[in-house]
């Protein structure tokens, strides 16, 4: 969104707010001022403040073309919610963002946003690249398991890229902080805290921990360490001078 604002030359005329308890008056004031002055208002996580959405609907109903600045735009983000006012949805332009379908598409989506500098982010670039690929594969596996109903998870969880981004940041931090790779720390933080924070079933907690331990482990540094019994998915040796291209080329060879 920030990139789009900059492209439209509105990056200095955007006011953003993450909604939550007590933020109603502030959001109301931002909408009223924005509609008068022609700025953009960006309200995030509307699903976290359901009780205020009726007030938001009232504010939107009151936006008349004669009194609203032509440059004013109201941007809203929300997870799926049955309580979201239908009138706002009917009168607005809607965009949906769904996780990619399939392991290959999931891996490709994450690595498409990276580059060589980001893949060399720590003082141990080779270890980081191997562990990051394992983490991204773990993330894709967690999402794909939802396709298999109770065979995948007892409860369908909405894992997203926020979980991945937090885990990636911790991986960078702990690789630089320790002389050796702290597998136990990384496994605990990723499976129990970051992803496990969404998990409500105790068997699913055990499952996600076992899955994580098959990715964050010393054997990942063995040549062509396989992630599965068939050997189709593995930990590759990336070209030190072009690691990003190495991973993108490998991902392209994977089955759909």
Protein backbone atom coordinates (compact mmCIF):
# COMPACT_ATOMS: atom_id res chain seq x y z
CA UNK A 1 0.00 0.00 0.00
CA UNK A 2 2.84 2.41 0.85
CA UNK A 3 4.39 1.77 -2.57
CA UNK A 4 1.07 2.51 -4.29
CA UNK A 5 0.72 5.76 -2.30
CA UNK A 6 4.19 6.85 -3.38
CA UNK A 7 3.41 5.97 -7.00
CA UNK A 8 0.24 8.09 -6.85
CA UNK A 9 2.19 10.89 -5.08
CA UNK A 10 -0.05 10.67 -2.04
CA UNK A 11 2.53 9.26 0.41
CA UNK A 12 2.61 12.57 2.33
CA UNK A 13 -1.20 12.88 2.39
CA UNK A 14 -2.08 9.51 3.95
CA UNK A 15 -3.23 9.00 7.53
CA UNK A 16 -3.29 5.42 8.75
CA UNK A 17 -4.69 3.81 11.90
CA UNK A 18 -4.89 0.24 13.15
CA UNK A 19 -8.36 -0.17 14.62
CA UNK A 20 -8.97 -1.51 18.10
CA UNK A 21 -10.78 -0.66 21.31
CA UNK A 22 -10.86 3.09 21.95
CA UNK A 23 -9.74 4.11 18.45
CA UNK A 24 -13.26 5.05 17.24
CA UNK A 25 -13.13 8.83 17.91
CA UNK A 26 -9.70 9.10 16.29
CA UNK A 27 -10.84 7.20 13.18
CA UNK A 28 -14.00 9.35 12.95
CA UNK A 29 -11.92 12.53 13.14
CA UNK A 30 -9.52 11.26 10.44
CA UNK A 31 -12.41 10.51 8.04
CA UNK A 32 -14.06 13.90 8.64
CA UNK A 33 -10.80 15.81 8.14
CA UNK A 34 -9.76 13.70 5.16
CA UNK A 35 -13.08 14.23 3.34
CA UNK A 36 -12.69 17.99 3.82
CA UNK A 37 -8.99 18.34 2.91
CA UNK A 38 -8.71 15.63 0.24
CA UNK A 39 -6.29 13.28 1.99
CA UNK A 40 -6.38 9.46 2.07
CA UNK A 41 -7.45 7.57 5.20
CA UNK A 42 -6.22 4.00 5.72
CA UNK A 43 -8.01 2.01 8.46
CA UNK A 44 -6.49 -1.40 9.14
CA UNK A 45 -7.97 -4.50 10.82
CA UNK A 46 -11.63 -3.44 10.82
CA UNK A 47 -12.56 -6.95 12.03
CA UNK A 48 -10.94 -6.17 15.39
CA UNK A 49 -13.41 -3.38 16.17
CA UNK A 50 -16.80 -4.82 15.18
CA UNK A 51 -18.72 -2.60 17.62
CA UNK A 52 -17.58 0.55 15.76
CA UNK A 53 -18.50 -0.62 12.26
CA UNK A 54 -22.07 0.70 12.54
CA UNK A 55 -20.57 4.18 13.12
CA UNK A 56 -18.30 3.63 10.11
CA UNK A 57 -21.36 2.75 8.02
CA UNK A 58 -23.05 5.99 9.17
CA UNK A 59 -19.97 8.02 8.24
CA UNK A 60 -19.82 6.42 4.78
CA UNK A 61 -23.52 7.13 4.20
CA UNK A 62 -22.86 10.78 4.96
CA UNK A 63 -20.14 11.19 2.31
CA UNK A 64 -21.98 13.22 -0.33
CA UNK A 65 -20.28 14.25 -3.64
CA UNK A 66 -21.11 17.94 -3.04
CA UNK A 67 -19.36 18.10 0.36
CA UNK A 68 -16.56 15.55 -0.09
CA UNK A 69 -13.19 16.55 -1.59
CA UNK A 70 -12.58 14.88 -4.97
CA UNK A 71 -9.17 13.52 -3.85
CA UNK A 72 -10.46 11.87 -0.68
CA UNK A 73 -10.20 8.07 -0.52
CA UNK A 74 -11.07 5.72 2.34
CA UNK A 75 -9.10 2.44 2.41
CA UNK A 76 -10.21 -0.38 4.71
CA UNK A 77 -8.59 -3.73 5.46
CA UNK A 78 -10.29 -6.61 7.21
CA UNK A 79 -10.19 -10.35 7.65
CA UNK A 80 -13.44 -12.10 6.56
CA UNK A 81 -16.17 -11.12 9.02
CA UNK A 82 -19.92 -11.75 9.00
CA UNK A 83 -20.43 -8.52 10.95
CA UNK A 84 -18.87 -6.25 8.30
CA UNK A 85 -21.58 -3.83 7.06
CA UNK A 86 -22.97 -4.98 3.72
CA UNK A 87 -23.69 -1.41 2.61
CA UNK A 88 -19.99 -0.49 2.76
CA UNK A 89 -19.10 -3.57 0.71
CA UNK A 90 -21.79 -2.80 -1.89
CA UNK A 91 -20.69 0.81 -2.31
CA UNK A 92 -16.94 0.18 -2.39
CA UNK A 93 -14.38 -1.42 -4.68
CA UNK A 94 -13.31 -4.75 -3.19
CA UNK A 95 -9.95 -6.51 -3.48
CA UNK A 96 -9.19 -9.92 -1.96
CA UNK A 97 -5.81 -11.42 -1.17
CA UNK A 98 -5.72 -15.21 -0.92
CA UNK A 99 -2.74 -17.46 -0.21
CA UNK A 100 -1.28 -19.06 -3.37
CA UNK A 101 -2.48 -22.56 -4.28
CA UNK A 102 0.11 -25.33 -4.00
CA UNK A 103 3.59 -25.67 -2.53
CA UNK A 104 5.32 -24.41 -5.67
CA UNK A 105 3.15 -21.27 -5.92
CA UNK A 106 3.60 -20.62 -2.20
CA UNK A 107 7.39 -20.86 -2.35
CA UNK A 108 7.52 -18.77 -5.50
CA UNK A 109 5.33 -16.05 -3.98
CA UNK A 110 7.71 -15.61 -1.02
CA UNK A 111 10.97 -15.76 -2.97
CA UNK A 112 9.68 -13.43 -5.68
CA UNK A 113 9.76 -10.60 -3.07
CA UNK A 114 13.36 -11.32 -1.99
CA UNK A 115 16.72 -10.48 -3.57
CA UNK A 116 20.41 -11.39 -3.16
CA UNK A 117 20.97 -8.75 -0.45
CA UNK A 118 18.08 -10.03 1.65
CA UNK A 119 19.32 -13.61 1.31
CA UNK A 120 22.70 -12.48 2.68
CA UNK A 121 21.23 -10.65 5.65
CA UNK A 122 23.27 -12.23 8.45
CA UNK A 123 26.91 -12.93 9.30
CA UNK A 124 26.23 -16.56 8.30
CA UNK A 125 24.68 -16.21 4.82
CA UNK A 126 24.98 -19.90 3.84
CA UNK A 127 23.29 -21.09 7.04
CA UNK A 128 20.67 -18.37 6.74
CA UNK A 129 19.78 -19.33 3.16
CA UNK A 130 19.33 -23.01 4.05
CA UNK A 131 17.29 -22.28 7.18
CA UNK A 132 15.19 -19.62 5.45
CA UNK A 133 14.25 -22.04 2.67
CA UNK A 134 13.32 -24.60 5.33
CA UNK A 135 11.20 -21.97 7.12
CA UNK A 136 9.40 -20.95 3.91
CA UNK A 137 8.76 -24.62 3.10
CA UNK A 138 7.38 -25.13 6.62
CA UNK A 139 5.08 -22.12 6.10
CA UNK A 140 3.85 -23.51 2.77
CA UNK A 141 3.27 -26.94 4.35
CA UNK A 142 1.19 -25.43 7.17
CA UNK A 143 -1.02 -23.63 4.67
CA UNK A 144 -1.36 -26.59 2.31
CA UNK A 145 -2.42 -28.96 5.10
CA UNK A 146 -5.69 -27.01 5.31
CA UNK A 147 -6.75 -28.62 2.01
CA UNK A 148 -6.98 -32.03 3.68
CA UNK A 149 -9.55 -31.14 6.34
CA UNK A 150 -9.09 -32.94 9.67
CA UNK A 151 -6.27 -35.02 8.14
CA UNK A 152 -4.26 -31.79 7.98
CA UNK A 153 -5.46 -29.86 11.05
CA UNK A 154 -8.24 -30.64 13.52
CA UNK A 155 -9.16 -26.94 13.25
CA UNK A 156 -8.60 -24.90 10.03
CA UNK A 157 -6.16 -22.08 10.91
CA UNK A 158 -5.54 -18.86 9.00
CA UNK A 159 -1.74 -18.82 8.89
CA UNK A 160 -0.44 -15.84 6.92
CA UNK A 161 2.74 -14.04 5.88
CA UNK A 162 2.86 -12.09 9.15
CA UNK A 163 3.72 -15.36 10.92
CA UNK A 164 6.43 -15.98 8.33
CA UNK A 165 7.85 -12.44 8.54
CA UNK A 166 8.12 -12.57 12.34
CA UNK A 167 9.80 -16.00 12.21
CA UNK A 168 12.20 -14.79 9.53
CA UNK A 169 13.19 -11.77 11.62
CA UNK A 170 13.88 -14.02 14.61
CA UNK A 171 15.96 -16.34 12.43
CA UNK A 172 18.15 -13.41 11.37
CA UNK A 173 18.49 -12.14 14.93
CA UNK A 174 19.37 -15.47 16.56
CA UNK A 175 21.82 -16.53 13.84
CA UNK A 176 23.82 -13.37 14.56
CA UNK A 177 23.44 -13.69 18.35
CA UNK A 178 24.70 -17.30 18.68
CA UNK A 179 27.93 -18.94 17.54
CA UNK A 180 26.05 -22.18 16.78
CA UNK A 181 22.57 -22.44 15.26
CA UNK A 182 20.11 -22.48 18.24
CA UNK A 183 17.72 -25.11 16.85
CA UNK A 184 15.72 -25.57 20.05
CA UNK A 185 15.15 -21.83 20.46
CA UNK A 186 14.14 -21.36 16.82
CA UNK A 187 11.84 -24.41 16.84
CA UNK A 188 10.11 -23.28 20.04
CA UNK A 189 9.60 -19.67 18.92
CA UNK A 190 8.36 -20.64 15.45
CA UNK A 191 6.11 -23.62 16.23
CA UNK A 192 4.79 -22.73 19.71
CA UNK A 193 4.80 -18.91 19.73
CA UNK A 194 4.51 -17.49 16.19
CA UNK A 195 2.43 -20.13 14.42
CA UNK A 196 1.23 -21.87 17.59
CA UNK A 197 -0.31 -18.64 18.81
CA UNK A 198 -3.16 -19.30 16.38
CA UNK A 199 -3.48 -22.99 17.24
CA UNK A 200 -6.22 -23.92 19.71
CA UNK A 201 -6.18 -27.75 19.54
CA UNK A 202 -3.57 -29.57 21.67
CA UNK A 203 -3.03 -32.30 19.06
CA UNK A 204 -2.45 -29.61 16.41
CA UNK A 205 0.14 -28.00 18.71
CA UNK A 206 1.98 -31.31 18.86
CA UNK A 207 1.66 -31.75 15.10
CA UNK A 208 3.05 -28.32 14.22
CA UNK A 209 5.99 -28.87 16.59
CA UNK A 210 6.85 -32.21 14.95
CA UNK A 211 6.61 -30.63 11.47
CA UNK A 212 8.90 -27.76 12.50
CA UNK A 213 11.52 -30.15 13.89
CA UNK A 214 11.77 -31.86 10.51
CA UNK A 215 12.88 -28.53 8.97
CA UNK A 216 14.98 -26.78 11.64
CA UNK A 217 17.58 -29.51 12.24
CA UNK A 218 21.34 -30.00 11.69
CA UNK A 219 20.78 -32.48 8.83
CA UNK A 220 19.55 -29.62 6.65
CA UNK A 221 23.18 -28.76 5.92
CA UNK A 222 23.80 -32.15 4.30
CA UNK A 223 24.02 -32.04 0.50
CA UNK A 224 20.55 -32.29 -1.09
CA UNK A 225 18.87 -33.05 2.25
CA UNK A 226 15.34 -34.28 1.31
CA UNK A 227 12.26 -32.74 2.93
CA UNK A 228 10.15 -35.72 1.85
CA UNK A 229 10.59 -39.45 1.23
CA UNK A 230 10.48 -39.05 -2.57
CA UNK A 231 13.40 -36.59 -2.60
CA UNK A 232 11.47 -34.21 -4.87
CA UNK A 233 11.70 -31.39 -2.34
CA UNK A 234 15.15 -30.77 -0.89
CA UNK A 235 17.55 -28.27 0.61
CA UNK A 236 19.71 -27.10 -2.29
CA UNK A 237 23.22 -25.66 -2.52
CA UNK A 238 22.69 -22.09 -3.74
CA UNK A 239 25.24 -20.28 -5.91
CA UNK A 240 27.08 -17.90 -3.55
CA UNK A 241 27.12 -15.13 -6.18
CA UNK A 242 23.47 -15.46 -7.21
CA UNK A 243 21.53 -17.16 -4.40
CA UNK A 244 18.18 -15.64 -5.32
CA UNK A 245 18.35 -16.86 -8.92
CA UNK A 246 19.42 -20.32 -7.66
CA UNK A 247 16.31 -20.66 -5.50
CA UNK A 248 13.95 -19.29 -8.15
CA UNK A 249 15.36 -21.72 -10.73
CA UNK A 250 14.97 -24.64 -8.33
CA UNK A 251 11.40 -23.67 -7.43
CA UNK A 252 10.52 -23.63 -11.15
CA UNK A 253 11.53 -27.31 -11.40
CA UNK A 254 9.04 -28.39 -8.72
CA UNK A 255 5.72 -30.05 -9.64
CA UNK A 256 2.57 -27.91 -9.56
